């Protein structure tokens, strides 16, 4: 693989020789029987990502050449960029608007984000990862964008897409809160509802909303599903039906109170450390303070404080074999999404890292939140998870990866010394001020 990549970098004509590339892939197919297919799969993915980095450099090269021809002719820079975007789209067989977006990505990665460019060229991140990092830093100055690029360098290729984006967003806010706040205000002014076709005579109804409103809507639908879902009418169906009923007026919009969890470091109260909303991600500290101070909000906001410096919540233990009550809720709030490396699916199950049958305790330190699929994969004998909640290592098929509780992006993973504390006084409900009690 490395020899072919070197050949590609040395001679562009080799890249354009589709027949030669297909011949190479034919030889790969013949070799799969004797090679390690998982290693081959990893190598192919890295080569694909590395070719994306080369595409970025080629797009910039095309733009520079076109600009040299257009400037003497008095053609505006915006018109040149638009035309090159269309050329890139044609070369990549995609829509012109996407071609212009890819051209912008190419310039940002090639000229302003050296760590992202190196990771993409090395094949350890995807073009989608690079696009998201560019998007999250688009409102920053060139210097601040480079600073965020350096801050996320250690996470490139080691964390999920969602975790990488959250970290970049948090660092961008820390470097220029005013620019991020202005961008958020512009985004809120562009809230809208769109409708797109989907296969099998279905549609995708999408609402672009401020985070508090979006989380509140989703929480209301989820609460309705929890109360009425059955095996014949599962959770997703009930949520969809409830949305239609409440929007169209087919049934009254009544239901349980909606509660939004807000995980806040102490520093969010007076500084610029982001807070975190489960099912969404980090939000700026000024927005979190605005929610807390708003007496008119309809959704109840419940705040959970995190330990300064570590981002760790209070540890809990239970004598039960299963994770229930407040202990289960705590683990979901701590892990935020599925703990399997690179998986960002919602948590559906709470799993023992060391199996209960093997002596593993039902404790916060021996627990991880998993999606339904990953929990079932845990049962396979070729899949092994070791460690504890501070660093669970997954091993399968000769590949090894470690996951940590995310905590506030940009903070180090929590250490055990920070979590030997009690359960008392971790949650407050702002409307009533009453402390939330539960079992576990």
Protein backbone atom coordinates (compact mmCIF):
# COMPACT_ATOMS: atom_id res chain seq x y z
CA UNK A 1 0.00 0.00 0.00
CA UNK A 2 2.73 2.50 0.96
CA UNK A 3 4.60 1.87 -2.33
CA UNK A 4 1.50 2.57 -4.37
CA UNK A 5 0.76 5.74 -2.35
CA UNK A 6 4.34 6.93 -3.02
CA UNK A 7 3.86 6.31 -6.73
CA UNK A 8 0.62 8.29 -6.65
CA UNK A 9 2.31 11.25 -4.99
CA UNK A 10 5.18 11.24 -7.50
CA UNK A 11 3.14 11.13 -10.69
CA UNK A 12 -0.31 12.64 -11.12
CA UNK A 13 -0.78 10.83 -14.42
CA UNK A 14 -0.72 7.54 -12.53
CA UNK A 15 -3.72 8.73 -10.51
CA UNK A 16 -5.60 9.59 -13.67
CA UNK A 17 -4.89 6.18 -15.18
CA UNK A 18 -8.10 4.49 -14.05
CA UNK A 19 -7.21 1.27 -15.83
CA UNK A 20 -3.97 1.00 -13.83
CA UNK A 21 -5.83 1.55 -10.57
CA UNK A 22 -8.37 -1.10 -11.45
CA UNK A 23 -5.60 -3.51 -12.29
CA UNK A 24 -4.06 -2.82 -8.90
CA UNK A 25 -7.37 -3.58 -7.18
CA UNK A 26 -7.65 -6.82 -9.15
CA UNK A 27 -4.28 -7.86 -7.76
CA UNK A 28 -5.51 -6.97 -4.28
CA UNK A 29 -8.54 -9.24 -4.76
CA UNK A 30 -6.22 -12.10 -5.73
CA UNK A 31 -4.12 -11.53 -2.59
CA UNK A 32 -6.96 -11.37 -0.07
CA UNK A 33 -6.93 -15.11 0.45
CA UNK A 34 -3.42 -14.98 1.91
CA UNK A 35 -3.47 -11.52 3.53
CA UNK A 36 -5.05 -10.39 6.79
CA UNK A 37 -8.39 -9.00 5.55
CA UNK A 38 -8.82 -6.65 8.53
CA UNK A 39 -5.36 -5.19 8.02
CA UNK A 40 -6.12 -4.89 4.32
CA UNK A 41 -9.38 -3.11 5.11
CA UNK A 42 -7.58 -0.64 7.37
CA UNK A 43 -4.91 -0.01 4.72
CA UNK A 44 -7.54 0.61 2.03
CA UNK A 45 -9.36 3.10 4.26
CA UNK A 46 -6.14 4.98 4.99
CA UNK A 47 -5.27 5.11 1.30
CA UNK A 48 -8.74 6.41 0.47
CA UNK A 49 -8.37 9.19 3.05
CA UNK A 50 -4.86 10.00 1.84
CA UNK A 51 -6.21 10.39 -1.69
CA UNK A 52 -8.74 12.89 -0.28
CA UNK A 53 -5.80 14.97 0.97
CA UNK A 54 -4.27 14.84 -2.50
CA UNK A 55 -7.60 15.88 -4.02
CA UNK A 56 -7.55 18.92 -1.74
CA UNK A 57 -4.07 19.91 -2.95
CA UNK A 58 -5.11 19.40 -6.57
CA UNK A 59 -8.23 21.56 -6.10
CA UNK A 60 -6.10 24.39 -4.71
CA UNK A 61 -3.69 23.95 -7.62
CA UNK A 62 -6.58 24.24 -10.11
CA UNK A 63 -7.82 27.39 -8.35
CA UNK A 64 -4.38 29.01 -8.39
CA UNK A 65 -3.95 28.29 -12.10
CA UNK A 66 -7.40 29.65 -12.94
CA UNK A 67 -6.76 32.76 -10.85
CA UNK A 68 -3.53 33.46 -12.73
CA UNK A 69 -5.48 33.37 -15.99
CA UNK A 70 -8.47 35.39 -14.73
CA UNK A 71 -6.75 38.29 -12.97
CA UNK A 72 -5.28 39.81 -16.15
CA UNK A 73 -8.73 39.53 -17.74
CA UNK A 74 -10.36 41.51 -14.91
CA UNK A 75 -12.54 38.63 -13.75
CA UNK A 76 -13.69 38.96 -10.13
CA UNK A 77 -12.22 36.59 -7.55
CA UNK A 78 -15.70 35.38 -6.53
CA UNK A 79 -16.53 34.48 -10.12
CA UNK A 80 -13.25 32.57 -10.45
CA UNK A 81 -13.93 30.64 -7.23
CA UNK A 82 -17.46 29.81 -8.34
CA UNK A 83 -16.26 28.50 -11.67
CA UNK A 84 -13.50 26.41 -10.09
CA UNK A 85 -16.06 25.02 -7.66
CA UNK A 86 -18.07 23.82 -10.63
CA UNK A 87 -14.96 22.28 -12.16
CA UNK A 88 -14.18 20.43 -8.93
CA UNK A 89 -17.78 19.21 -8.79
CA UNK A 90 -17.61 17.93 -12.34
CA UNK A 91 -14.33 16.13 -11.66
CA UNK A 92 -15.77 14.51 -8.54
CA UNK A 93 -19.22 13.88 -10.02
CA UNK A 94 -21.12 15.89 -7.42
CA UNK A 95 -23.37 18.98 -7.25
CA UNK A 96 -21.79 22.39 -8.01
CA UNK A 97 -22.69 23.72 -4.56
CA UNK A 98 -20.84 20.80 -3.02
CA UNK A 99 -17.90 21.46 -5.34
CA UNK A 100 -17.59 25.02 -4.01
CA UNK A 101 -17.78 23.69 -0.46
CA UNK A 102 -15.05 21.17 -1.22
CA UNK A 103 -12.89 23.95 -2.68
CA UNK A 104 -13.27 25.97 0.52
CA UNK A 105 -12.35 22.88 2.53
CA UNK A 106 -9.31 22.33 0.33
CA UNK A 107 -7.99 25.85 0.96
CA UNK A 108 -8.60 25.68 4.72
CA UNK A 109 -6.97 22.28 5.16
CA UNK A 110 -4.06 22.97 2.82
CA UNK A 111 -3.23 26.52 3.95
CA UNK A 112 -4.45 26.99 7.54
CA UNK A 113 -4.72 23.63 9.36
CA UNK A 114 -1.42 21.72 9.12
CA UNK A 115 -2.29 19.05 11.71
CA UNK A 116 -5.60 18.25 10.04
CA UNK A 117 -3.88 18.13 6.65
CA UNK A 118 -1.20 15.77 7.96
CA UNK A 119 -3.79 13.48 9.57
CA UNK A 120 -5.82 13.36 6.36
CA UNK A 121 -2.70 12.68 4.28
CA UNK A 122 -1.72 9.92 6.70
CA UNK A 123 -5.19 8.43 6.25
CA UNK A 124 -6.18 8.43 9.94
CA UNK A 125 -9.14 10.83 9.53
CA UNK A 126 -11.78 11.07 6.81
CA UNK A 127 -12.69 13.95 4.55
CA UNK A 128 -15.89 14.30 6.59
CA UNK A 129 -13.81 14.77 9.78
CA UNK A 130 -11.73 17.45 8.08
CA UNK A 131 -14.87 19.16 6.74
CA UNK A 132 -16.40 19.29 10.22
CA UNK A 133 -13.24 20.79 11.74
CA UNK A 134 -13.21 23.48 9.06
CA UNK A 135 -16.88 24.20 9.69
CA UNK A 136 -16.44 24.56 13.45
CA UNK A 137 -13.54 27.01 13.01
CA UNK A 138 -14.94 29.01 10.07
CA UNK A 139 -15.80 32.02 12.25
CA UNK A 140 -12.26 32.32 13.68
CA UNK A 141 -9.25 34.29 12.52
CA UNK A 142 -6.51 32.46 10.68
CA UNK A 143 -4.37 32.42 13.84
CA UNK A 144 -7.16 31.10 16.08
CA UNK A 145 -8.10 28.44 13.53
CA UNK A 146 -4.49 27.23 13.55
CA UNK A 147 -4.59 27.19 17.37
CA UNK A 148 -7.68 24.96 17.39
CA UNK A 149 -6.01 22.74 14.81
CA UNK A 150 -3.07 22.30 17.20
CA UNK A 151 -5.37 21.67 20.20
CA UNK A 152 -7.17 18.77 18.51
CA UNK A 153 -4.02 17.24 17.00
CA UNK A 154 -3.76 14.49 19.64
CA UNK A 155 -7.38 13.41 19.05
CA UNK A 156 -7.16 13.11 15.26
CA UNK A 157 -7.74 9.47 14.37
CA UNK A 158 -8.27 8.40 17.99
CA UNK A 159 -11.84 9.53 18.84
CA UNK A 160 -15.25 9.45 17.18
CA UNK A 161 -16.37 12.08 14.70
CA UNK A 162 -18.85 13.53 17.20
CA UNK A 163 -16.24 13.75 19.96
CA UNK A 164 -13.74 15.43 17.62
CA UNK A 165 -16.30 18.03 16.56
CA UNK A 166 -17.28 18.73 20.17
CA UNK A 167 -13.64 19.30 21.15
CA UNK A 168 -13.06 21.68 18.24
CA UNK A 169 -16.25 23.58 19.08
CA UNK A 170 -15.20 23.99 22.71
CA UNK A 171 -11.71 25.27 21.81
CA UNK A 172 -13.16 27.67 19.23
CA UNK A 173 -15.46 29.13 21.89
CA UNK A 174 -12.61 29.48 24.37
CA UNK A 175 -10.44 31.37 21.86
CA UNK A 176 -13.11 33.77 20.55
CA UNK A 177 -16.41 33.69 22.48
CA UNK A 178 -17.71 36.80 20.72
CA UNK A 179 -17.25 35.35 17.23
CA UNK A 180 -18.98 32.11 18.25
CA UNK A 181 -21.84 34.04 19.90
CA UNK A 182 -22.32 36.13 16.76
CA UNK A 183 -22.34 32.98 14.65
CA UNK A 184 -24.93 31.42 16.96
CA UNK A 185 -27.16 34.50 16.65
CA UNK A 186 -26.97 34.30 12.87
CA UNK A 187 -27.77 30.58 12.99
CA UNK A 188 -30.83 31.15 15.20
CA UNK A 189 -32.14 33.70 12.71
CA UNK A 190 -31.97 30.98 10.03
CA UNK A 191 -34.15 28.45 11.88
CA UNK A 192 -36.44 26.64 9.47
CA UNK A 193 -38.29 23.46 8.58
CA UNK A 194 -37.49 21.49 5.41
CA UNK A 195 -38.98 18.49 3.65
CA UNK A 196 -37.01 16.01 1.55
CA UNK A 197 -38.07 12.81 -0.21
CA UNK A 198 -37.01 9.45 1.21
CA UNK A 199 -37.21 5.93 -0.25
CA UNK A 200 -40.42 3.86 -0.16
CA UNK A 201 -42.84 6.81 -0.33
CA UNK A 202 -41.50 8.35 2.89
CA UNK A 203 -40.31 11.88 3.64
CA UNK A 204 -37.75 13.46 5.93
CA UNK A 205 -39.23 16.38 7.87
CA UNK A 206 -36.33 18.32 9.39
CA UNK A 207 -36.45 21.26 11.79
CA UNK A 208 -33.33 23.41 12.30
CA UNK A 209 -33.88 24.85 15.79
CA UNK A 210 -31.93 26.48 18.61
CA UNK A 211 -30.48 23.73 20.78
CA UNK A 212 -32.78 24.29 23.77
CA UNK A 213 -35.90 24.10 21.63
CA UNK A 214 -34.66 21.07 19.70
CA UNK A 215 -33.70 19.13 22.82
CA UNK A 216 -37.03 20.04 24.46
CA UNK A 217 -39.02 18.83 21.43
CA UNK A 218 -37.08 15.58 21.30
CA UNK A 219 -37.50 15.11 25.06
CA UNK A 220 -41.27 15.57 24.80
CA UNK A 221 -41.52 12.97 22.02
CA UNK A 222 -39.27 10.57 23.90
CA UNK A 223 -41.35 10.94 27.07
CA UNK A 224 -44.52 10.15 25.12
CA UNK A 225 -42.87 7.09 23.61
CA UNK A 226 -41.66 5.86 26.98
CA UNK A 227 -45.20 6.04 28.34
CA UNK A 228 -47.00 4.30 25.47
CA UNK A 229 -44.54 2.24 23.38
CA UNK A 230 -45.27 -1.47 22.96
CA UNK A 231 -43.63 -4.28 20.97
CA UNK A 232 -46.32 -3.78 18.30
CA UNK A 233 -45.77 0.01 18.28
CA UNK A 234 -42.11 0.56 19.18
CA UNK A 235 -40.45 3.73 20.38
CA UNK A 236 -39.62 5.24 16.99
CA UNK A 237 -43.15 4.78 15.65
CA UNK A 238 -44.73 6.35 18.71
CA UNK A 239 -42.40 9.37 18.53
CA UNK A 240 -43.21 9.89 14.84
CA UNK A 241 -46.97 9.50 15.40
CA UNK A 242 -46.89 11.88 18.37
CA UNK A 243 -45.07 14.49 16.28
CA UNK A 244 -47.72 14.29 13.54
CA UNK A 245 -50.59 14.41 16.03
CA UNK A 246 -49.28 17.42 17.90
CA UNK A 247 -48.25 19.44 14.85
CA UNK A 248 -51.45 18.78 12.88
CA UNK A 249 -53.75 19.12 15.88
CA UNK A 250 -55.16 15.60 15.64
CA UNK A 251 -54.74 15.27 19.41
CA UNK A 252 -54.08 17.77 22.22
CA UNK A 253 -50.42 18.58 22.85
CA UNK A 254 -50.47 17.36 26.41
CA UNK A 255 -47.96 15.13 28.05
CA UNK A 256 -45.35 14.86 30.78
CA UNK A 257 -43.12 17.81 31.65
CA UNK A 258 -39.99 18.10 29.52
CA UNK A 259 -36.67 18.22 31.31
CA UNK A 260 -33.36 19.30 29.75
CA UNK A 261 -30.19 18.11 31.51
CA UNK A 262 -27.38 20.68 31.58
CA UNK A 263 -23.96 19.39 32.64
CA UNK A 264 -22.00 22.39 33.89
CA UNK A 265 -18.43 22.75 35.14
CA UNK A 266 -18.29 25.22 38.03
CA UNK A 267 -16.26 27.52 35.77
CA UNK A 268 -19.26 27.85 33.41
CA UNK A 269 -20.99 30.00 36.03
CA UNK A 270 -18.45 32.81 35.79
CA UNK A 271 -16.11 31.98 32.89
CA UNK A 272 -16.04 30.67 29.36
CA UNK A 273 -15.84 26.90 29.95
CA UNK A 274 -18.57 25.27 27.83
CA UNK A 275 -21.47 23.35 29.36
CA UNK A 276 -22.83 20.14 27.84
CA UNK A 277 -26.33 19.04 26.80
CA UNK A 278 -26.81 15.26 26.43
CA UNK A 279 -28.02 14.25 22.94
CA UNK A 280 -26.57 17.49 21.55
CA UNK A 281 -23.05 18.36 22.73
CA UNK A 282 -21.20 21.38 24.18
CA UNK A 283 -22.85 24.79 24.36
CA UNK A 284 -21.20 28.14 25.19
CA UNK A 285 -21.12 29.17 28.84
CA UNK A 286 -23.04 32.40 28.17
CA UNK A 287 -25.91 30.40 26.64
CA UNK A 288 -25.95 28.05 29.65
CA UNK A 289 -26.13 31.03 32.02
CA UNK A 290 -28.93 32.49 29.89
CA UNK A 291 -30.95 29.28 30.25
CA UNK A 292 -30.42 29.21 34.00
CA UNK A 293 -31.55 32.82 34.40
CA UNK A 294 -34.63 32.59 32.14
CA UNK A 295 -37.78 32.34 34.32
CA UNK A 296 -40.10 32.02 31.30
CA UNK A 297 -38.68 28.85 29.76
CA UNK A 298 -41.19 26.02 29.49
CA UNK A 299 -38.74 23.13 29.58
CA UNK A 300 -37.31 22.39 33.01
CA UNK A 301 -33.52 22.71 33.03
CA UNK A 302 -31.75 20.40 35.45
CA UNK A 303 -28.11 21.25 36.10
CA UNK A 304 -25.43 18.75 37.06
CA UNK A 305 -22.11 20.11 38.25
CA UNK A 306 -18.78 18.55 37.32
CA UNK A 307 -15.58 18.46 39.31
CA UNK A 308 -13.18 21.34 38.49
CA UNK A 309 -10.24 20.34 36.32
CA UNK A 310 -11.38 16.80 35.55
CA UNK A 311 -14.92 17.16 34.24
CA UNK A 312 -15.87 14.16 36.40
CA UNK A 313 -19.30 13.59 37.95
CA UNK A 314 -19.78 12.03 41.37
CA UNK A 315 -19.20 8.25 41.55
CA UNK A 316 -21.95 5.83 42.57
CA UNK A 317 -22.27 2.15 43.44
CA UNK A 318 -25.14 -0.31 43.78
CA UNK A 319 -25.54 -3.80 45.23
CA UNK A 320 -27.92 -4.71 42.40
CA UNK A 321 -26.89 -6.89 39.47
CA UNK A 322 -28.35 -4.34 37.05
CA UNK A 323 -27.87 -0.61 36.68
CA UNK A 324 -31.12 1.14 37.56
CA UNK A 325 -32.50 4.43 38.78
CA UNK A 326 -30.23 7.39 39.32
CA UNK A 327 -27.10 5.23 38.88
CA UNK A 328 -28.15 4.34 35.32
CA UNK A 329 -29.04 7.97 34.61
CA UNK A 330 -25.68 9.10 35.97
CA UNK A 331 -23.74 6.71 33.70
CA UNK A 332 -25.70 7.92 30.64
CA UNK A 333 -24.94 11.53 31.53
CA UNK A 334 -21.27 10.71 32.11
CA UNK A 335 -20.68 8.75 28.89
CA UNK A 336 -23.10 10.84 26.76
CA UNK A 337 -22.92 8.43 23.78
CA UNK A 338 -21.99 4.77 23.24
CA UNK A 339 -18.52 4.10 24.70
CA UNK A 340 -17.37 1.78 21.88
CA UNK A 341 -14.46 3.58 20.16
CA UNK A 342 -15.67 5.74 17.25
CA UNK A 343 -19.36 4.97 17.92
CA UNK A 344 -21.58 7.97 18.69
CA UNK A 345 -24.95 6.19 18.81
CA UNK A 346 -27.35 6.95 21.69
CA UNK A 347 -26.92 4.86 24.83
CA UNK A 348 -29.57 2.15 25.19
CA UNK A 349 -27.91 -0.31 27.62
CA UNK A 350 -25.65 -0.01 30.67
CA UNK A 351 -23.03 -2.76 30.57
CA UNK A 352 -20.55 -4.22 33.08
CA UNK A 353 -16.99 -3.76 31.77
CA UNK A 354 -15.88 -6.74 33.86
CA UNK A 355 -18.82 -9.16 33.74
CA UNK A 356 -20.91 -9.56 36.86
CA UNK A 357 -20.45 -13.35 36.53
CA UNK A 358 -16.68 -12.81 36.71
CA UNK A 359 -16.91 -10.75 39.88
CA UNK A 360 -17.36 -7.33 38.32
CA UNK A 361 -19.22 -4.94 40.67
CA UNK A 362 -22.32 -2.98 39.71
CA UNK A 363 -20.53 0.33 40.16
CA UNK A 364 -19.97 3.51 38.22
CA UNK A 365 -16.32 2.58 37.64
CA UNK A 366 -17.25 -0.83 36.17
CA UNK A 367 -20.00 0.55 33.93
CA UNK A 368 -20.14 1.84 30.39
CA UNK A 369 -23.02 3.09 28.30
CA UNK A 370 -23.50 1.20 25.03
CA UNK A 371 -25.89 1.31 22.11
CA UNK A 372 -28.00 -1.80 21.56
CA UNK A 373 -25.83 -3.13 18.75
CA UNK A 374 -22.52 -2.73 20.60
CA UNK A 375 -23.93 -4.38 23.71
CA UNK A 376 -24.82 -7.47 21.69
CA UNK A 377 -21.35 -7.51 20.09
CA UNK A 378 -19.88 -7.62 23.62
CA UNK A 379 -21.12 -11.21 23.91
CA UNK A 380 -18.95 -12.48 21.04
CA UNK A 381 -15.93 -14.51 22.27
CA UNK A 382 -13.59 -12.69 19.86
CA UNK A 383 -14.53 -9.32 21.35
CA UNK A 384 -12.80 -8.31 24.59
CA UNK A 385 -13.12 -5.22 26.78
CA UNK A 386 -10.76 -4.57 29.70
CA UNK A 387 -10.02 -1.74 32.13
CA UNK A 388 -12.56 0.45 33.87
CA UNK A 389 -14.66 3.51 33.11
CA UNK A 390 -11.63 5.83 33.09
CA UNK A 391 -10.16 3.89 30.15
CA UNK A 392 -11.91 0.87 28.63
CA UNK A 393 -9.79 -0.94 26.02
CA UNK A 394 -11.56 -2.82 23.22
CA UNK A 395 -9.71 -5.62 21.39
CA UNK A 396 -10.98 -7.55 18.38
CA UNK A 397 -9.46 -9.06 15.26
CA UNK A 398 -5.99 -7.84 16.20
CA UNK A 399 -7.16 -4.20 16.46
CA UNK A 400 -7.02 -2.34 19.78
CA UNK A 401 -8.60 1.00 20.78
CA UNK A 402 -9.27 2.75 24.11
CA UNK A 403 -12.18 5.00 25.03
CA UNK A 404 -12.48 7.51 27.89
CA UNK A 405 -15.50 9.32 29.33
CA UNK A 406 -15.69 12.51 27.29
CA UNK A 407 -16.28 15.09 30.03
CA UNK A 408 -16.22 18.71 28.89
CA UNK A 409 -14.25 18.82 25.61
CA UNK A 410 -10.67 19.94 26.03
CA UNK A 411 -10.39 18.66 29.59
CA UNK A 412 -8.28 15.62 30.53
CA UNK A 413 -10.12 12.35 31.20
CA UNK A 414 -11.15 11.95 34.86
CA UNK A 415 -8.89 10.09 37.27
CA UNK A 416 -9.98 7.73 40.02
CA UNK A 417 -8.80 10.12 42.74
CA UNK A 418 -11.41 12.60 41.60
CA UNK A 419 -14.35 10.23 41.83
CA UNK A 420 -14.12 8.77 45.34
CA UNK A 421 -16.94 11.00 46.46
CA UNK A 422 -20.60 10.70 47.45
CA UNK A 423 -23.84 10.81 45.50
CA UNK A 424 -25.41 13.64 47.49
CA UNK A 425 -26.33 16.99 45.98
CA UNK A 426 -25.43 16.48 42.32
CA UNK A 427 -28.70 17.62 40.73
CA UNK A 428 -30.90 20.64 41.07
CA UNK A 429 -34.17 21.49 39.33
CA UNK A 430 -34.30 25.24 38.71
CA UNK A 431 -38.05 25.71 38.77
CA UNK A 432 -38.61 24.17 42.19
CA UNK A 433 -35.10 24.09 43.65
CA UNK A 434 -35.87 20.61 44.93
CA UNK A 435 -33.12 18.00 44.90
CA UNK A 436 -33.67 14.99 42.73
CA UNK A 437 -33.55 11.71 44.65
CA UNK A 438 -33.51 8.21 43.15
CA UNK A 439 -32.63 4.64 43.85
CA UNK A 440 -29.26 2.97 43.15
